[in-house]
Amino acid sequence: MTQALTQTLPQLLTHEEFMHWYPNDGKRYELHKGVIVWRYLLETTKTLLDF
């Protein structure tokens, strides 16, 4: 018996949807080609370099 592998693709957001979603939690998020990216790694790396 053969099973098909399926993957759900993430829904891409528009800028308007992203701005409506954007939380006020003190973290930095960016929209890259419709995908939300949390900039934690970039901020952590900068903090370590400033140390």
Protein backbone atom coordinates (compact mmCIF):
# COMPACT_ATOMS: atom_id res chain seq x y z
CA MET A 1 0.00 0.00 0.00
CA THR A 2 1.32 3.46 -0.91
CA GLN A 3 0.69 6.51 1.25
CA ALA A 4 0.89 10.00 -0.14
CA LEU A 5 2.97 12.47 1.82
CA THR A 6 1.34 15.84 2.06
CA GLN A 7 2.49 19.08 3.57
CA THR A 8 0.38 22.12 4.34
CA LEU A 9 2.01 25.25 3.01
CA PRO A 10 1.97 28.27 5.30
CA GLN A 11 -0.46 31.04 4.42
CA LEU A 12 1.42 34.04 3.12
CA LEU A 13 0.41 37.34 4.71
CA THR A 14 0.00 40.71 3.09
CA HIS A 15 1.51 43.80 4.70
CA GLU A 16 -1.96 44.85 5.87
CA GLU A 17 -2.59 41.45 7.53
CA PHE A 18 0.85 41.57 9.16
CA MET A 19 0.21 45.03 10.61
CA HIS A 20 -3.15 43.87 11.97
CA TRP A 21 -1.51 40.78 13.54
CA TYR A 22 1.59 42.54 14.95
CA PRO A 23 1.60 42.02 18.75
CA ASN A 24 2.73 44.60 21.31
CA ASP A 25 5.02 42.21 23.20
CA GLY A 26 8.32 44.09 22.96
CA LYS A 27 9.74 41.66 20.37
CA ARG A 28 10.72 42.58 16.83
CA TYR A 29 9.01 40.85 13.93
CA GLU A 30 9.51 41.29 10.21
CA LEU A 31 7.59 40.16 7.18
CA HIS A 32 9.77 38.37 4.60
CA LYS A 33 8.02 37.35 1.37
CA GLY A 34 4.75 36.91 3.27
CA VAL A 35 6.24 34.94 6.18
CA ILE A 36 6.54 36.35 9.73
CA VAL A 37 10.10 36.22 11.09
CA TRP A 38 10.95 36.82 14.75
CA ARG A 39 14.28 38.65 14.93
CA TYR A 40 15.43 36.96 18.18
CA LEU A 41 18.64 35.50 16.76
CA LEU A 42 19.74 38.80 15.23
CA GLU A 43 19.10 40.68 18.50
CA THR A 44 20.92 38.02 20.57
CA THR A 45 23.93 38.08 18.25
CA LYS A 46 24.11 41.88 18.43
CA THR A 47 23.93 41.78 22.24
CA LEU A 48 26.78 39.28 22.39
CA LEU A 49 28.90 41.38 20.05
CA ASP A 50 28.28 44.51 22.16
CA PHE A 51 29.43 42.67 25.30
